[in-house]
Amino acid sequence: MISTDPEIDPRKCVVGIACAAQAVQDGHLVNVFFASHAVRLLQNDYITNIDGKVGEAAGTSSQFLKTLVTGAQAVHCSGGSQRVVGVTPENANEILVGGYKLNWAGPATVVSLSADADVVLTF
C-alpha cells in the first residue's frame, strides 16, 4: 500500500514503487494499492516529473511503475482519493498511465488484500 502524499515525501513514494517493482521482478505475486494523495503517482504527468524531485535519473520512476502495471497481480486505487485529485473513471484514460486494468476500490479491498497477504508493506 502506498498512501504517502508525494508532495510531502516523494522519495518515500518512489521507494515504495521500487520495492513493489522489485517484488514483481523477483517473482512474487504482488497487489499494490494506491490511496490518499499517492494516487497522483498513477498520473502520467506526475510520475514522469517526480524523478527530478527525488534525485533519480529521468524515467526511473516511470519504469518502476511500468513494471508494476505489467507484472503485478493487480493494481488498485482508492476511488474516493482519485476523485479528490480530479480523476474519475470517465477521464482516467486522459490522465493516468495506461496499459493495465485499474481496480477502483476502497477500504474493504485494503482490508481484504491485507488479510489475504503473507507480507504487507506500507509506504
PDB file of N, CA and C in Angstrom:
ATOM      1  N   MET A   1       0.842  -1.173   0.000  1.00  0.00           N
ATOM      2  CA  MET A   1       0.000   0.000   0.000  1.00  0.00           C
ATOM      3  C   MET A   1       0.887   1.235   0.000  1.00  0.00           C
ATOM      4  N   ILE A   2       0.566   2.116  -0.897  1.00  0.00           N
ATOM      5  CA  ILE A   2       1.272   3.393  -0.969  1.00  0.00           C
ATOM      6  C   ILE A   2       0.241   4.476  -0.711  1.00  0.00           C
ATOM      7  N   SER A   3       0.427   5.188   0.396  1.00  0.00           N
ATOM      8  CA  SER A   3      -0.541   6.225   0.750  1.00  0.00           C
ATOM      9  C   SER A   3       0.116   7.550   1.119  1.00  0.00           C
ATOM     10  N   THR A   4       1.424   7.615   1.081  1.00  0.00           N
ATOM     11  CA  THR A   4       2.129   8.851   1.399  1.00  0.00           C
ATOM     12  C   THR A   4       1.880   9.885   0.312  1.00  0.00           C
ATOM     13  N   ASP A   5       1.656  11.116   0.700  1.00  0.00           N
ATOM     14  CA  ASP A   5       1.460  12.202  -0.250  1.00  0.00           C
ATOM     15  C   ASP A   5       2.798  12.493  -0.929  1.00  0.00           C
ATOM     16  N   PRO A   6       2.888  12.347  -2.240  1.00  0.00           N
ATOM     17  CA  PRO A   6       4.151  12.587  -2.920  1.00  0.00           C
ATOM     18  C   PRO A   6       4.604  14.037  -2.887  1.00  0.00           C
ATOM     19  N   GLU A   7       3.729  14.954  -2.518  1.00  0.00           N
ATOM     20  CA  GLU A   7       4.147  16.347  -2.345  1.00  0.00           C
ATOM     21  C   GLU A   7       4.895  16.518  -1.018  1.00  0.00           C
ATOM     22  N   ILE A   8       4.627  15.661  -0.058  1.00  0.00           N
ATOM     23  CA  ILE A   8       5.264  15.743   1.257  1.00  0.00           C
ATOM     24  C   ILE A   8       6.525  14.892   1.314  1.00  0.00           C
ATOM     25  N   ASP A   9       6.468  13.670   0.800  1.00  0.00           N
ATOM     26  CA  ASP A   9       7.628  12.787   0.842  1.00  0.00           C
ATOM     27  C   ASP A   9       7.725  11.992  -0.468  1.00  0.00           C
ATOM     28  N   PRO A  10       8.157  12.666  -1.537  1.00  0.00           N
ATOM     29  CA  PRO A  10       8.220  11.984  -2.826  1.00  0.00           C
ATOM     30  C   PRO A  10       9.199  10.817  -2.837  1.00  0.00           C
ATOM     31  N   ARG A  11      10.282  10.940  -2.089  1.00  0.00           N
ATOM     32  CA  ARG A  11      11.277   9.863  -2.063  1.00  0.00           C
ATOM     33  C   ARG A  11      10.676   8.576  -1.491  1.00  0.00           C
ATOM     34  N   LYS A  12       9.904   8.705  -0.421  1.00  0.00           N
ATOM     35  CA  LYS A  12       9.253   7.541   0.179  1.00  0.00           C
ATOM     36  C   LYS A  12       8.315   6.872  -0.830  1.00  0.00           C
ATOM     37  N   CYS A  13       7.625   7.657  -1.614  1.00  0.00           N
ATOM     38  CA  CYS A  13       6.719   7.113  -2.622  1.00  0.00           C
ATOM     39  C   CYS A  13       7.484   6.333  -3.683  1.00  0.00           C
ATOM     40  N   VAL A  14       8.583   6.891  -4.143  1.00  0.00           N
ATOM     41  CA  VAL A  14       9.379   6.219  -5.169  1.00  0.00           C
ATOM     42  C   VAL A  14       9.995   4.945  -4.604  1.00  0.00           C
ATOM     43  N   VAL A  15      10.443   4.980  -3.362  1.00  0.00           N
ATOM     44  CA  VAL A  15      10.982   3.771  -2.727  1.00  0.00           C
ATOM     45  C   VAL A  15       9.893   2.698  -2.656  1.00  0.00           C
ATOM     46  N   GLY A  16       8.665   3.076  -2.330  1.00  0.00           N
ATOM     47  CA  GLY A  16       7.560   2.130  -2.276  1.00  0.00           C
ATOM     48  C   GLY A  16       7.297   1.483  -3.625  1.00  0.00           C
ATOM     49  N   ILE A  17       7.287   2.296  -4.678  1.00  0.00           N
ATOM     50  CA  ILE A  17       7.072   1.757  -6.022  1.00  0.00           C
ATOM     51  C   ILE A  17       8.244   0.856  -6.414  1.00  0.00           C
ATOM     52  N   ALA A  18       9.456   1.277  -6.069  1.00  0.00           N
ATOM     53  CA  ALA A  18      10.647   0.480  -6.397  1.00  0.00           C
ATOM     54  C   ALA A  18      10.614  -0.878  -5.700  1.00  0.00           C
ATOM     55  N   CYS A  19      10.219  -0.905  -4.438  1.00  0.00           N
ATOM     56  CA  CYS A  19      10.146  -2.176  -3.702  1.00  0.00           C
ATOM     57  C   CYS A  19       9.082  -3.095  -4.293  1.00  0.00           C
ATOM     58  N   ALA A  20       7.936  -2.540  -4.639  1.00  0.00           N
ATOM     59  CA  ALA A  20       6.881  -3.348  -5.252  1.00  0.00           C
ATOM     60  C   ALA A  20       7.328  -3.877  -6.610  1.00  0.00           C
ATOM     61  N   ALA A  21       8.006  -3.033  -7.385  1.00  0.00           N
ATOM     62  CA  ALA A  21       8.517  -3.467  -8.687  1.00  0.00           C
ATOM     63  C   ALA A  21       9.557  -4.574  -8.519  1.00  0.00           C
ATOM     64  N   GLN A  22      10.409  -4.450  -7.508  1.00  0.00           N
ATOM     65  CA  GLN A  22      11.407  -5.488  -7.256  1.00  0.00           C
ATOM     66  C   GLN A  22      10.740  -6.803  -6.885  1.00  0.00           C
ATOM     67  N   ALA A  23       9.690  -6.728  -6.080  1.00  0.00           N
ATOM     68  CA  ALA A  23       8.957  -7.945  -5.709  1.00  0.00           C
ATOM     69  C   ALA A  23       8.376  -8.630  -6.951  1.00  0.00           C
ATOM     70  N   VAL A  24       7.858  -7.843  -7.882  1.00  0.00           N
ATOM     71  CA  VAL A  24       7.350  -8.399  -9.140  1.00  0.00           C
ATOM     72  C   VAL A  24       8.491  -9.076  -9.896  1.00  0.00           C
ATOM     73  N   GLN A  25       9.622  -8.375 -10.023  1.00  0.00           N
ATOM     74  CA  GLN A  25      10.767  -8.929 -10.755  1.00  0.00           C
ATOM     75  C   GLN A  25      11.302 -10.205 -10.106  1.00  0.00           C
ATOM     76  N   ASP A  26      11.166 -10.303  -8.793  1.00  0.00           N
ATOM     77  CA  ASP A  26      11.632 -11.493  -8.078  1.00  0.00           C
ATOM     78  C   ASP A  26      10.638 -12.645  -8.136  1.00  0.00           C
ATOM     79  N   GLY A  27       9.501 -12.428  -8.791  1.00  0.00           N
ATOM     80  CA  GLY A  27       8.533 -13.498  -8.988  1.00  0.00           C
ATOM     81  C   GLY A  27       7.441 -13.609  -7.937  1.00  0.00           C
ATOM     82  N   HIS A  28       7.330 -12.631  -7.067  1.00  0.00           N
ATOM     83  CA  HIS A  28       6.274 -12.649  -6.058  1.00  0.00           C
ATOM     84  C   HIS A  28       4.945 -12.205  -6.669  1.00  0.00           C
ATOM     85  N   LEU A  29       3.851 -12.706  -6.116  1.00  0.00           N
ATOM     86  CA  LEU A  29       2.532 -12.218  -6.505  1.00  0.00           C
ATOM     87  C   LEU A  29       2.300 -10.913  -5.765  1.00  0.00           C
ATOM     88  N   VAL A  30       2.128  -9.843  -6.500  1.00  0.00           N
ATOM     89  CA  VAL A  30       2.049  -8.507  -5.911  1.00  0.00           C
ATOM     90  C   VAL A  30       0.712  -7.869  -6.236  1.00  0.00           C
ATOM     91  N   ASN A  31       0.066  -7.364  -5.211  1.00  0.00           N
ATOM     92  CA  ASN A  31      -1.075  -6.468  -5.346  1.00  0.00           C
ATOM     93  C   ASN A  31      -0.610  -5.141  -4.764  1.00  0.00           C
ATOM     94  N   VAL A  32      -0.837  -4.074  -5.476  1.00  0.00           N
ATOM     95  CA  VAL A  32      -0.451  -2.760  -4.968  1.00  0.00           C
ATOM     96  C   VAL A  32      -1.706  -1.898  -4.903  1.00  0.00           C
ATOM     97  N   PHE A  33      -1.837  -1.170  -3.790  1.00  0.00           N
ATOM     98  CA  PHE A  33      -2.995  -0.303  -3.584  1.00  0.00           C
ATOM     99  C   PHE A  33      -2.480   1.116  -3.380  1.00  0.00           C
ATOM    100  N   PHE A  34      -2.918   2.035  -4.238  1.00  0.00           N
ATOM    101  CA  PHE A  34      -2.581   3.452  -4.118  1.00  0.00           C
ATOM    102  C   PHE A  34      -3.753   4.157  -3.444  1.00  0.00           C
ATOM    103  N   ALA A  35      -3.476   4.846  -2.345  1.00  0.00           N
ATOM    104  CA  ALA A  35      -4.534   5.513  -1.586  1.00  0.00           C
ATOM    105  C   ALA A  35      -4.128   6.949  -1.266  1.00  0.00           C
ATOM    106  N   SER A  36      -5.085   7.693  -0.787  1.00  0.00           N
ATOM    107  CA  SER A  36      -4.896   9.089  -0.426  1.00  0.00           C
ATOM    108  C   SER A  36      -4.264   9.827  -1.611  1.00  0.00           C
ATOM    109  N   HIS A  37      -3.393  10.793  -1.349  1.00  0.00           N
ATOM    110  CA  HIS A  37      -2.815  11.566  -2.449  1.00  0.00           C
ATOM    111  C   HIS A  37      -1.755  10.803  -3.226  1.00  0.00           C
ATOM    112  N   ALA A  38      -1.398   9.601  -2.774  1.00  0.00           N
ATOM    113  CA  ALA A  38      -0.465   8.764  -3.538  1.00  0.00           C
ATOM    114  C   ALA A  38      -1.066   8.322  -4.868  1.00  0.00           C
ATOM    115  N   VAL A  39      -2.367   8.469  -5.038  1.00  0.00           N
ATOM    116  CA  VAL A  39      -2.977   8.134  -6.333  1.00  0.00           C
ATOM    117  C   VAL A  39      -2.405   9.008  -7.447  1.00  0.00           C
ATOM    118  N   ARG A  40      -1.836  10.152  -7.085  1.00  0.00           N
ATOM    119  CA  ARG A  40      -1.211  11.018  -8.100  1.00  0.00           C
ATOM    120  C   ARG A  40      -0.085  10.296  -8.837  1.00  0.00           C
ATOM    121  N   LEU A  41       0.531   9.327  -8.166  1.00  0.00           N
ATOM    122  CA  LEU A  41       1.634   8.587  -8.773  1.00  0.00           C
ATOM    123  C   LEU A  41       1.201   7.807 -10.007  1.00  0.00           C
ATOM    124  N   LEU A  42      -0.089   7.583 -10.153  1.00  0.00           N
ATOM    125  CA  LEU A  42      -0.622   6.884 -11.329  1.00  0.00           C
ATOM    126  C   LEU A  42      -0.860   7.828 -12.504  1.00  0.00           C
ATOM    127  N   GLN A  43      -0.661   9.131 -12.274  1.00  0.00           N
ATOM    128  CA  GLN A  43      -0.874  10.118 -13.327  1.00  0.00           C
ATOM    129  C   GLN A  43       0.369  10.220 -14.203  1.00  0.00           C
ATOM    130  N   ASN A  44       0.158  10.170 -15.495  1.00  0.00           N
ATOM    131  CA  ASN A  44       1.250  10.251 -16.455  1.00  0.00           C
ATOM    132  C   ASN A  44       2.196  11.414 -16.179  1.00  0.00           C
ATOM    133  N   ASP A  45       1.662  12.620 -16.103  1.00  0.00           N
ATOM    134  CA  ASP A  45       2.498  13.801 -15.892  1.00  0.00           C
ATOM    135  C   ASP A  45       3.225  13.752 -14.555  1.00  0.00           C
ATOM    136  N   TYR A  46       2.550  13.266 -13.536  1.00  0.00           N
ATOM    137  CA  TYR A  46       3.145  13.262 -12.200  1.00  0.00           C
ATOM    138  C   TYR A  46       4.324  12.297 -12.115  1.00  0.00           C
ATOM    139  N   ILE A  47       4.130  11.059 -12.552  1.00  0.00           N
ATOM    140  CA  ILE A  47       5.190  10.057 -12.438  1.00  0.00           C
ATOM    141  C   ILE A  47       6.362  10.413 -13.351  1.00  0.00           C
ATOM    142  N   THR A  48       6.086  11.067 -14.458  1.00  0.00           N
ATOM    143  CA  THR A  48       7.148  11.468 -15.382  1.00  0.00           C
ATOM    144  C   THR A  48       8.041  12.540 -14.771  1.00  0.00           C
ATOM    145  N   ASN A  49       7.479  13.397 -13.938  1.00  0.00           N
ATOM    146  CA  ASN A  49       8.226  14.528 -13.397  1.00  0.00           C
ATOM    147  C   ASN A  49       8.771  14.326 -11.983  1.00  0.00           C
ATOM    148  N   ILE A  50       8.473  13.215 -11.335  1.00  0.00           N
ATOM    149  CA  ILE A  50       8.881  13.049  -9.946  1.00  0.00           C
ATOM    150  C   ILE A  50      10.378  12.775  -9.784  1.00  0.00           C
ATOM    151  N   ASP A  51      11.032  12.218 -10.799  1.00  0.00           N
ATOM    152  CA  ASP A  51      12.442  11.845 -10.667  1.00  0.00           C
ATOM    153  C   ASP A  51      13.336  13.019 -10.292  1.00  0.00           C
ATOM    154  N   GLY A  52      13.075  14.178 -10.851  1.00  0.00           N
ATOM    155  CA  GLY A  52      13.870  15.357 -10.523  1.00  0.00           C
ATOM    156  C   GLY A  52      13.762  15.759  -9.058  1.00  0.00           C
ATOM    157  N   LYS A  53      12.634  15.459  -8.435  1.00  0.00           N
ATOM    158  CA  LYS A  53      12.421  15.801  -7.024  1.00  0.00           C
ATOM    159  C   LYS A  53      13.136  14.841  -6.086  1.00  0.00           C
ATOM    160  N   VAL A  54      13.463  13.640  -6.573  1.00  0.00           N
ATOM    161  CA  VAL A  54      13.990  12.600  -5.675  1.00  0.00           C
ATOM    162  C   VAL A  54      15.411  12.171  -6.019  1.00  0.00           C
ATOM    163  N   GLY A  55      16.040  12.867  -6.949  1.00  0.00           N
ATOM    164  CA  GLY A  55      17.423  12.565  -7.281  1.00  0.00           C
ATOM    165  C   GLY A  55      17.623  11.321  -8.116  1.00  0.00           C
ATOM    166  N   GLU A  56      16.608  10.952  -8.880  1.00  0.00           N
ATOM    167  CA  GLU A  56      16.724   9.783  -9.767  1.00  0.00           C
ATOM    168  C   GLU A  56      16.871  10.250 -11.211  1.00  0.00           C
ATOM    169  N   ALA A  57      17.447   9.397 -12.024  1.00  0.00           N
ATOM    170  CA  ALA A  57      17.565   9.695 -13.451  1.00  0.00           C
ATOM    171  C   ALA A  57      16.175   9.740 -14.075  1.00  0.00           C
ATOM    172  N   ALA A  58      16.018  10.610 -15.040  1.00  0.00           N
ATOM    173  CA  ALA A  58      14.732  10.732 -15.735  1.00  0.00           C
ATOM    174  C   ALA A  58      14.275   9.370 -16.246  1.00  0.00           C
ATOM    175  N   GLY A  59      13.019   9.046 -15.992  1.00  0.00           N
ATOM    176  CA  GLY A  59      12.433   7.804 -16.460  1.00  0.00           C
ATOM    177  C   GLY A  59      12.481   6.660 -15.466  1.00  0.00           C
ATOM    178  N   THR A  60      13.224   6.825 -14.375  1.00  0.00           N
ATOM    179  CA  THR A  60      13.366   5.754 -13.389  1.00  0.00           C
ATOM    180  C   THR A  60      12.028   5.375 -12.776  1.00  0.00           C
ATOM    181  N   SER A  61      11.303   6.340 -12.261  1.00  0.00           N
ATOM    182  CA  SER A  61      10.036   6.060 -11.584  1.00  0.00           C
ATOM    183  C   SER A  61       8.983   5.542 -12.558  1.00  0.00           C
ATOM    184  N   SER A  62       8.985   6.074 -13.765  1.00  0.00           N
ATOM    185  CA  SER A  62       8.057   5.574 -14.785  1.00  0.00           C
ATOM    186  C   SER A  62       8.326   4.107 -15.084  1.00  0.00           C
ATOM    187  N   GLN A  63       9.603   3.722 -15.107  1.00  0.00           N
ATOM    188  CA  GLN A  63       9.944   2.327 -15.368  1.00  0.00           C
ATOM    189  C   GLN A  63       9.499   1.433 -14.214  1.00  0.00           C
ATOM    190  N   PHE A  64       9.680   1.906 -12.972  1.00  0.00           N
ATOM    191  CA  PHE A  64       9.189   1.140 -11.818  1.00  0.00           C
ATOM    192  C   PHE A  64       7.686   0.914 -11.943  1.00  0.00           C
ATOM    193  N   LEU A  65       6.952   1.981 -12.261  1.00  0.00           N
ATOM    194  CA  LEU A  65       5.501   1.882 -12.382  1.00  0.00           C
ATOM    195  C   LEU A  65       5.119   0.958 -13.544  1.00  0.00           C
ATOM    196  N   LYS A  66       5.843   1.036 -14.646  1.00  0.00           N
ATOM    197  CA  LYS A  66       5.565   0.154 -15.785  1.00  0.00           C
ATOM    198  C   LYS A  66       5.743  -1.306 -15.372  1.00  0.00           C
ATOM    199  N   THR A  67       6.774  -1.590 -14.594  1.00  0.00           N
ATOM    200  CA  THR A  67       6.978  -2.955 -14.092  1.00  0.00           C
ATOM    201  C   THR A  67       5.777  -3.409 -13.282  1.00  0.00           C
ATOM    202  N   LEU A  68       5.251  -2.513 -12.456  1.00  0.00           N
ATOM    203  CA  LEU A  68       4.080  -2.854 -11.649  1.00  0.00           C
ATOM    204  C   LEU A  68       2.839  -3.100 -12.496  1.00  0.00           C
ATOM    205  N   VAL A  69       2.560  -2.186 -13.408  1.00  0.00           N
ATOM    206  CA  VAL A  69       1.308  -2.313 -14.159  1.00  0.00           C
ATOM    207  C   VAL A  69       1.334  -3.479 -15.140  1.00  0.00           C
ATOM    208  N   THR A  70       2.518  -3.932 -15.523  1.00  0.00           N
ATOM    209  CA  THR A  70       2.591  -5.071 -16.435  1.00  0.00           C
ATOM    210  C   THR A  70       2.800  -6.390 -15.703  1.00  0.00           C
ATOM    211  N   GLY A  71       3.289  -6.353 -14.452  1.00  0.00           N
ATOM    212  CA  GLY A  71       3.621  -7.598 -13.779  1.00  0.00           C
ATOM    213  C   GLY A  71       2.923  -7.891 -12.473  1.00  0.00           C
ATOM    214  N   ALA A  72       2.298  -6.894 -11.873  1.00  0.00           N
ATOM    215  CA  ALA A  72       1.597  -7.132 -10.609  1.00  0.00           C
ATOM    216  C   ALA A  72       0.334  -7.937 -10.860  1.00  0.00           C
ATOM    217  N   GLN A  73      -0.065  -8.685  -9.865  1.00  0.00           N
ATOM    218  CA  GLN A  73      -1.316  -9.432  -9.964  1.00  0.00           C
ATOM    219  C   GLN A  73      -2.460  -8.455 -10.202  1.00  0.00           C
ATOM    220  N   ALA A  74      -2.440  -7.330  -9.475  1.00  0.00           N
ATOM    221  CA  ALA A  74      -3.450  -6.281  -9.663  1.00  0.00           C
ATOM    222  C   ALA A  74      -2.938  -4.960  -9.117  1.00  0.00           C
ATOM    223  N   VAL A  75      -3.410  -3.879  -9.738  1.00  0.00           N
ATOM    224  CA  VAL A  75      -3.153  -2.523  -9.257  1.00  0.00           C
ATOM    225  C   VAL A  75      -4.501  -1.954  -8.846  1.00  0.00           C
ATOM    226  N   HIS A  76      -4.569  -1.505  -7.595  1.00  0.00           N
ATOM    227  CA  HIS A  76      -5.807  -0.976  -7.026  1.00  0.00           C
ATOM    228  C   HIS A  76      -5.598   0.495  -6.681  1.00  0.00           C
ATOM    229  N   CYS A  77      -6.682   1.229  -6.670  1.00  0.00           N
ATOM    230  CA  CYS A  77      -6.611   2.614  -6.210  1.00  0.00           C
ATOM    231  C   CYS A  77      -7.897   2.972  -5.483  1.00  0.00           C
ATOM    232  N   SER A  78      -7.775   3.945  -4.627  1.00  0.00           N
ATOM    233  CA  SER A  78      -8.935   4.473  -3.926  1.00  0.00           C
ATOM    234  C   SER A  78      -9.729   5.361  -4.867  1.00  0.00           C
ATOM    235  N   GLY A  79     -10.951   4.959  -5.135  1.00  0.00           N
ATOM    236  CA  GLY A  79     -11.809   5.766  -5.983  1.00  0.00           C
ATOM    237  C   GLY A  79     -12.099   7.133  -5.384  1.00  0.00           C
ATOM    238  N   GLY A  80     -12.291   7.175  -4.071  1.00  0.00           N
ATOM    239  CA  GLY A  80     -12.530   8.454  -3.398  1.00  0.00           C
ATOM    240  C   GLY A  80     -11.326   9.373  -3.472  1.00  0.00           C
ATOM    241  N   SER A  81     -10.153   8.808  -3.294  1.00  0.00           N
ATOM    242  CA  SER A  81      -8.931   9.611  -3.385  1.00  0.00           C
ATOM    243  C   SER A  81      -8.710  10.119  -4.796  1.00  0.00           C
ATOM    244  N   GLN A  82      -9.023   9.299  -5.783  1.00  0.00           N
ATOM    245  CA  GLN A  82      -8.898   9.752  -7.169  1.00  0.00           C
ATOM    246  C   GLN A  82      -9.819  10.941  -7.430  1.00  0.00           C
ATOM    247  N   ARG A  83     -11.050  10.856  -6.941  1.00  0.00           N
ATOM    248  CA  ARG A  83     -11.997  11.967  -7.142  1.00  0.00           C
ATOM    249  C   ARG A  83     -11.465  13.261  -6.535  1.00  0.00           C
ATOM    250  N   VAL A  84     -10.815  13.169  -5.374  1.00  0.00           N
ATOM    251  CA  VAL A  84     -10.278  14.357  -4.705  1.00  0.00           C
ATOM    252  C   VAL A  84      -9.232  15.061  -5.568  1.00  0.00           C
ATOM    253  N   VAL A  85      -8.454  14.292  -6.342  1.00  0.00           N
ATOM    254  CA  VAL A  85      -7.432  14.899  -7.201  1.00  0.00           C
ATOM    255  C   VAL A  85      -7.932  15.102  -8.637  1.00  0.00           C
ATOM    256  N   GLY A  86      -9.241  14.943  -8.845  1.00  0.00           N
ATOM    257  CA  GLY A  86      -9.849  15.266 -10.129  1.00  0.00           C
ATOM    258  C   GLY A  86      -9.880  14.160 -11.161  1.00  0.00           C
ATOM    259  N   VAL A  87      -9.671  12.909 -10.724  1.00  0.00           N
ATOM    260  CA  VAL A  87      -9.681  11.795 -11.665  1.00  0.00           C
ATOM    261  C   VAL A  87     -10.905  10.924 -11.404  1.00  0.00           C
ATOM    262  N   THR A  88     -11.596  10.583 -12.461  1.00  0.00           N
ATOM    263  CA  THR A  88     -12.765   9.710 -12.389  1.00  0.00           C
ATOM    264  C   THR A  88     -12.593   8.611 -13.439  1.00  0.00           C
ATOM    265  N   PRO A  89     -13.382   7.547 -13.347  1.00  0.00           N
ATOM    266  CA  PRO A  89     -13.292   6.534 -14.404  1.00  0.00           C
ATOM    267  C   PRO A  89     -13.544   7.110 -15.800  1.00  0.00           C
ATOM    268  N   GLU A  90     -14.311   8.179 -15.874  1.00  0.00           N
ATOM    269  CA  GLU A  90     -14.638   8.785 -17.160  1.00  0.00           C
ATOM    270  C   GLU A  90     -13.454   9.543 -17.779  1.00  0.00           C
ATOM    271  N   ASN A  91     -12.594  10.176 -16.976  1.00  0.00           N
ATOM    272  CA  ASN A  91     -11.474  10.936 -17.545  1.00  0.00           C
ATOM    273  C   ASN A  91     -10.122  10.262 -17.302  1.00  0.00           C
ATOM    274  N   ALA A  92     -10.136   9.077 -16.710  1.00  0.00           N
ATOM    275  CA  ALA A  92      -8.894   8.397 -16.328  1.00  0.00           C
ATOM    276  C   ALA A  92      -7.972   8.130 -17.511  1.00  0.00           C
ATOM    277  N   ASN A  93      -8.518   7.755 -18.665  1.00  0.00           N
ATOM    278  CA  ASN A  93      -7.671   7.446 -19.817  1.00  0.00           C
ATOM    279  C   ASN A  93      -6.847   8.632 -20.279  1.00  0.00           C
ATOM    280  N   GLU A  94      -7.332   9.833 -20.029  1.00  0.00           N
ATOM    281  CA  GLU A  94      -6.619  11.049 -20.422  1.00  0.00           C
ATOM    282  C   GLU A  94      -5.522  11.419 -19.426  1.00  0.00           C
ATOM    283  N   ILE A  95      -5.628  10.964 -18.186  1.00  0.00           N
ATOM    284  CA  ILE A  95      -4.747  11.426 -17.114  1.00  0.00           C
ATOM    285  C   ILE A  95      -3.781  10.351 -16.611  1.00  0.00           C
ATOM    286  N   LEU A  96      -4.265   9.132 -16.486  1.00  0.00           N
ATOM    287  CA  LEU A  96      -3.478   8.084 -15.845  1.00  0.00           C
ATOM    288  C   LEU A  96      -2.595   7.316 -16.822  1.00  0.00           C
ATOM    289  N   VAL A  97      -1.531   6.749 -16.274  1.00  0.00           N
ATOM    290  CA  VAL A  97      -0.688   5.835 -17.040  1.00  0.00           C
ATOM    291  C   VAL A  97      -1.563   4.673 -17.466  1.00  0.00           C
ATOM    292  N   GLY A  98      -1.472   4.268 -18.703  1.00  0.00           N
ATOM    293  CA  GLY A  98      -2.324   3.205 -19.209  1.00  0.00           C
ATOM    294  C   GLY A  98      -1.609   1.873 -19.323  1.00  0.00           C
ATOM    295  N   GLY A  99      -2.262   0.946 -19.986  1.00  0.00           N
ATOM    296  CA  GLY A  99      -1.682  -0.348 -20.249  1.00  0.00           C
ATOM    297  C   GLY A  99      -2.059  -1.431 -19.264  1.00  0.00           C
ATOM    298  N   TYR A 100      -3.057  -1.179 -18.444  1.00  0.00           N
ATOM    299  CA  TYR A 100      -3.478  -2.157 -17.444  1.00  0.00           C
ATOM    300  C   TYR A 100      -4.898  -1.843 -17.016  1.00  0.00           C
ATOM    301  N   LYS A 101      -5.509  -2.800 -16.322  1.00  0.00           N
ATOM    302  CA  LYS A 101      -6.844  -2.585 -15.774  1.00  0.00           C
ATOM    303  C   LYS A 101      -6.698  -2.140 -14.323  1.00  0.00           C
ATOM    304  N   LEU A 102      -7.105  -0.946 -14.022  1.00  0.00           N
ATOM    305  CA  LEU A 102      -7.038  -0.397 -12.678  1.00  0.00           C
ATOM    306  C   LEU A 102      -8.296  -0.793 -11.916  1.00  0.00           C
ATOM    307  N   ASN A 103      -8.122  -1.343 -10.736  1.00  0.00           N
ATOM    308  CA  ASN A 103      -9.248  -1.719  -9.888  1.00  0.00           C
ATOM    309  C   ASN A 103      -9.571  -0.545  -8.956  1.00  0.00           C
ATOM    310  N   TRP A 104     -10.677   0.123  -9.216  1.00  0.00           N
ATOM    311  CA  TRP A 104     -11.123   1.237  -8.379  1.00  0.00           C
ATOM    312  C   TRP A 104     -11.817   0.629  -7.163  1.00  0.00           C
ATOM    313  N   ALA A 105     -11.318   0.917  -5.981  1.00  0.00           N
ATOM    314  CA  ALA A 105     -11.813   0.231  -4.792  1.00  0.00           C
ATOM    315  C   ALA A 105     -11.813   1.175  -3.595  1.00  0.00           C
ATOM    316  N   GLY A 106     -11.950   0.579  -2.411  1.00  0.00           N
ATOM    317  CA  GLY A 106     -11.988   1.360  -1.185  1.00  0.00           C
ATOM    318  C   GLY A 106     -11.454   0.559  -0.018  1.00  0.00           C
ATOM    319  N   PRO A 107     -11.783   0.994   1.196  1.00  0.00           N
ATOM    320  CA  PRO A 107     -11.243   0.356   2.393  1.00  0.00           C
ATOM    321  C   PRO A 107     -11.488  -1.147   2.484  1.00  0.00           C
ATOM    322  N   ALA A 108     -12.623  -1.625   2.005  1.00  0.00           N
ATOM    323  CA  ALA A 108     -12.900  -3.063   2.082  1.00  0.00           C
ATOM    324  C   ALA A 108     -11.849  -3.863   1.313  1.00  0.00           C
ATOM    325  N   THR A 109     -11.402  -3.327   0.184  1.00  0.00           N
ATOM    326  CA  THR A 109     -10.369  -4.012  -0.595  1.00  0.00           C
ATOM    327  C   THR A 109      -9.031  -3.967   0.123  1.00  0.00           C
ATOM    328  N   VAL A 110      -8.698  -2.855   0.747  1.00  0.00           N
ATOM    329  CA  VAL A 110      -7.451  -2.767   1.526  1.00  0.00           C
ATOM    330  C   VAL A 110      -7.449  -3.828   2.619  1.00  0.00           C
ATOM    331  N   VAL A 111      -8.531  -3.943   3.337  1.00  0.00           N
ATOM    332  CA  VAL A 111      -8.630  -4.917   4.427  1.00  0.00           C
ATOM    333  C   VAL A 111      -8.544  -6.335   3.876  1.00  0.00           C
ATOM    334  N   SER A 112      -9.251  -6.620   2.813  1.00  0.00           N
ATOM    335  CA  SER A 112      -9.249  -7.954   2.218  1.00  0.00           C
ATOM    336  C   SER A 112      -7.860  -8.336   1.701  1.00  0.00           C
ATOM    337  N   LEU A 113      -7.217  -7.436   0.973  1.00  0.00           N
ATOM    338  CA  LEU A 113      -5.876  -7.713   0.469  1.00  0.00           C
ATOM    339  C   LEU A 113      -4.897  -7.951   1.614  1.00  0.00           C
ATOM    340  N   SER A 114      -4.999  -7.134   2.654  1.00  0.00           N
ATOM    341  CA  SER A 114      -4.108  -7.277   3.802  1.00  0.00           C
ATOM    342  C   SER A 114      -4.332  -8.593   4.527  1.00  0.00           C
ATOM    343  N   ALA A 115      -5.590  -8.971   4.690  1.00  0.00           N
ATOM    344  CA  ALA A 115      -5.910 -10.218   5.392  1.00  0.00           C
ATOM    345  C   ALA A 115      -5.434 -11.438   4.613  1.00  0.00           C
ATOM    346  N   ASP A 116      -5.451 -11.351   3.285  1.00  0.00           N
ATOM    347  CA  ASP A 116      -5.058 -12.480   2.441  1.00  0.00           C
ATOM    348  C   ASP A 116      -3.561 -12.564   2.183  1.00  0.00           C
ATOM    349  N   ALA A 117      -2.831 -11.500   2.491  1.00  0.00           N
ATOM    350  CA  ALA A 117      -1.408 -11.440   2.150  1.00  0.00           C
ATOM    351  C   ALA A 117      -0.533 -12.147   3.167  1.00  0.00           C
ATOM    352  N   ASP A 118       0.557 -12.717   2.663  1.00  0.00           N
ATOM    353  CA  ASP A 118       1.586 -13.268   3.543  1.00  0.00           C
ATOM    354  C   ASP A 118       2.439 -12.146   4.116  1.00  0.00           C
ATOM    355  N   VAL A 119       2.685 -11.123   3.314  1.00  0.00           N
ATOM    356  CA  VAL A 119       3.506  -9.990   3.717  1.00  0.00           C
ATOM    357  C   VAL A 119       2.804  -8.704   3.250  1.00  0.00           C
ATOM    358  N   VAL A 120       2.787  -7.694   4.099  1.00  0.00           N
ATOM    359  CA  VAL A 120       2.216  -6.403   3.756  1.00  0.00           C
ATOM    360  C   VAL A 120       3.270  -5.339   4.008  1.00  0.00           C
ATOM    361  N   LEU A 121       3.547  -4.543   2.999  1.00  0.00           N
ATOM    362  CA  LEU A 121       4.461  -3.411   3.134  1.00  0.00           C
ATOM    363  C   LEU A 121       3.646  -2.150   2.895  1.00  0.00           C
ATOM    364  N   THR A 122       3.902  -1.137   3.696  1.00  0.00           N
ATOM    365  CA  THR A 122       3.202   0.140   3.506  1.00  0.00           C
ATOM    366  C   THR A 122       4.210   1.259   3.375  1.00  0.00           C
ATOM    367  N   PHE A 123       3.915   2.162   2.468  1.00  0.00           N
ATOM    368  CA  PHE A 123       4.778   3.316   2.242  1.00  0.00           C
ATOM    369  C   PHE A 123       3.921   4.545   2.173  1.00  0.00           C
TER     370      PHE A 123
END
